[in-house]
């Protein structure tokens, strides 16, 4: 008898991120897209320097959204290019306007060093 094959861990992570995305506010979605662009073009110094602006010390614990972003970032760094593209395909299906925003922001980084 054959056992059903469980989806891979990255596939589960991608579904989880897309589920989170569906519950985020438009402001949180824009923040995620900006972070996605930074991770998609990590060699761009401008994006790295902009990322330092988000670092802050606080006595307050991180919000659920901040925890989700941190977890997504760790997962994303371990995904293959195909798995990252799978996330983008899911984003295109779930919220095409934010996928378009991602592609526009990504295109705007061309030529920056």
Protein backbone atom coordinates (compact mmCIF):
# COMPACT_ATOMS: atom_id res chain seq x y z
CA UNK A 1 0.00 0.00 0.00
CA UNK A 2 1.34 3.44 -0.91
CA UNK A 3 1.51 6.19 1.66
CA UNK A 4 0.60 9.70 0.49
CA UNK A 5 3.65 11.86 -0.06
CA UNK A 6 3.74 14.90 2.21
CA UNK A 7 4.58 18.21 0.55
CA UNK A 8 8.16 19.38 0.99
CA UNK A 9 9.00 21.71 3.83
CA UNK A 10 9.61 24.68 1.49
CA UNK A 11 6.21 24.06 -0.15
CA UNK A 12 4.59 24.20 3.28
CA UNK A 13 6.53 27.37 4.11
CA UNK A 14 5.39 29.02 0.87
CA UNK A 15 1.75 28.16 1.58
CA UNK A 16 2.17 29.56 5.09
CA UNK A 17 3.60 32.87 3.82
CA UNK A 18 0.81 33.22 1.27
CA UNK A 19 -1.73 32.54 4.02
CA UNK A 20 -0.16 35.23 6.20
CA UNK A 21 -0.15 37.61 3.23
CA UNK A 22 -3.88 37.12 2.74
CA UNK A 23 -4.49 38.37 6.29
CA UNK A 24 -2.11 41.34 6.23
CA UNK A 25 -3.25 44.94 5.88
CA UNK A 26 -2.32 46.89 2.75
CA UNK A 27 0.44 48.65 4.71
CA UNK A 28 1.88 45.31 5.83
CA UNK A 29 1.63 43.97 2.28
CA UNK A 30 3.60 46.97 0.97
CA UNK A 31 6.23 46.38 3.65
CA UNK A 32 6.48 42.73 2.63
CA UNK A 33 6.88 43.64 -1.04
CA UNK A 34 9.68 46.08 -0.14
CA UNK A 35 11.41 43.34 1.89
CA UNK A 36 10.92 40.89 -0.97
CA UNK A 37 12.67 43.29 -3.35
CA UNK A 38 15.58 43.65 -0.91
CA UNK A 39 15.96 39.88 -0.74
CA UNK A 40 15.55 39.42 -4.50
CA UNK A 41 18.50 41.73 -5.24
CA UNK A 42 20.81 41.20 -2.24
CA UNK A 43 23.93 42.37 -4.06
CA UNK A 44 22.54 45.86 -4.43
CA UNK A 45 24.25 48.07 -1.85
CA UNK A 46 21.46 50.65 -1.96
CA UNK A 47 18.96 48.10 -0.75
CA UNK A 48 21.25 46.92 2.03
CA UNK A 49 21.79 50.45 3.27
CA UNK A 50 18.06 51.15 3.17
CA UNK A 51 17.52 47.99 5.22
CA UNK A 52 19.61 49.36 8.07
CA UNK A 53 17.04 52.11 8.53
CA UNK A 54 14.57 49.52 9.77
CA UNK A 55 16.81 48.38 12.61
CA UNK A 56 15.77 49.85 15.93
CA UNK A 57 16.14 48.97 19.56
CA UNK A 58 12.92 48.75 21.50
CA UNK A 59 11.74 47.52 24.87
CA UNK A 60 8.53 46.28 23.27
CA UNK A 61 8.32 42.76 21.95
CA UNK A 62 7.99 42.40 18.16
CA UNK A 63 4.54 42.32 16.65
CA UNK A 64 3.14 39.17 15.08
CA UNK A 65 3.77 40.73 11.66
CA UNK A 66 7.42 41.39 12.52
CA UNK A 67 7.83 37.79 13.68
CA UNK A 68 6.24 36.53 10.47
CA UNK A 69 8.60 38.68 8.37
CA UNK A 70 11.64 37.40 10.27
CA UNK A 71 10.56 33.80 9.84
CA UNK A 72 9.82 34.34 6.14
CA UNK A 73 13.27 35.93 5.66
CA UNK A 74 14.99 32.89 7.17
CA UNK A 75 12.94 30.53 5.02
CA UNK A 76 13.43 32.60 1.87
CA UNK A 77 17.21 32.57 2.26
CA UNK A 78 17.14 28.77 2.24
CA UNK A 79 14.85 28.36 -0.78
CA UNK A 80 16.02 27.55 -4.28
CA UNK A 81 15.32 29.96 -7.12
CA UNK A 82 12.44 27.72 -8.25
CA UNK A 83 10.91 27.82 -4.78
CA UNK A 84 11.23 31.61 -4.67
CA UNK A 85 9.51 31.74 -8.06
CA UNK A 86 6.77 29.52 -6.63
CA UNK A 87 6.14 32.16 -3.95
CA UNK A 88 5.93 34.84 -6.64
CA UNK A 89 3.52 32.74 -8.68
CA UNK A 90 1.32 32.35 -5.60
CA UNK A 91 1.52 36.09 -4.99
CA UNK A 92 0.53 36.77 -8.61
CA UNK A 93 -2.54 34.60 -8.15
CA UNK A 94 -3.48 35.88 -4.69
CA UNK A 95 -2.83 39.59 -5.16
CA UNK A 96 -1.75 40.54 -8.69
CA UNK A 97 -1.52 44.24 -7.82
CA UNK A 98 1.19 43.50 -5.24
CA UNK A 99 3.03 41.18 -7.62
CA UNK A 100 2.99 44.02 -10.16
CA UNK A 101 4.34 46.37 -7.49
CA UNK A 102 7.15 43.88 -6.77
CA UNK A 103 8.12 43.67 -10.44
CA UNK A 104 8.03 47.46 -10.82
CA UNK A 105 10.20 47.99 -7.73
CA UNK A 106 12.55 45.24 -8.87
CA UNK A 107 12.91 46.90 -12.28
CA UNK A 108 13.66 50.23 -10.62
CA UNK A 109 16.76 48.70 -8.98
CA UNK A 110 18.33 47.94 -12.38
CA UNK A 111 21.50 49.91 -12.85
CA UNK A 112 21.87 50.81 -9.17
CA UNK A 113 25.15 49.74 -7.62
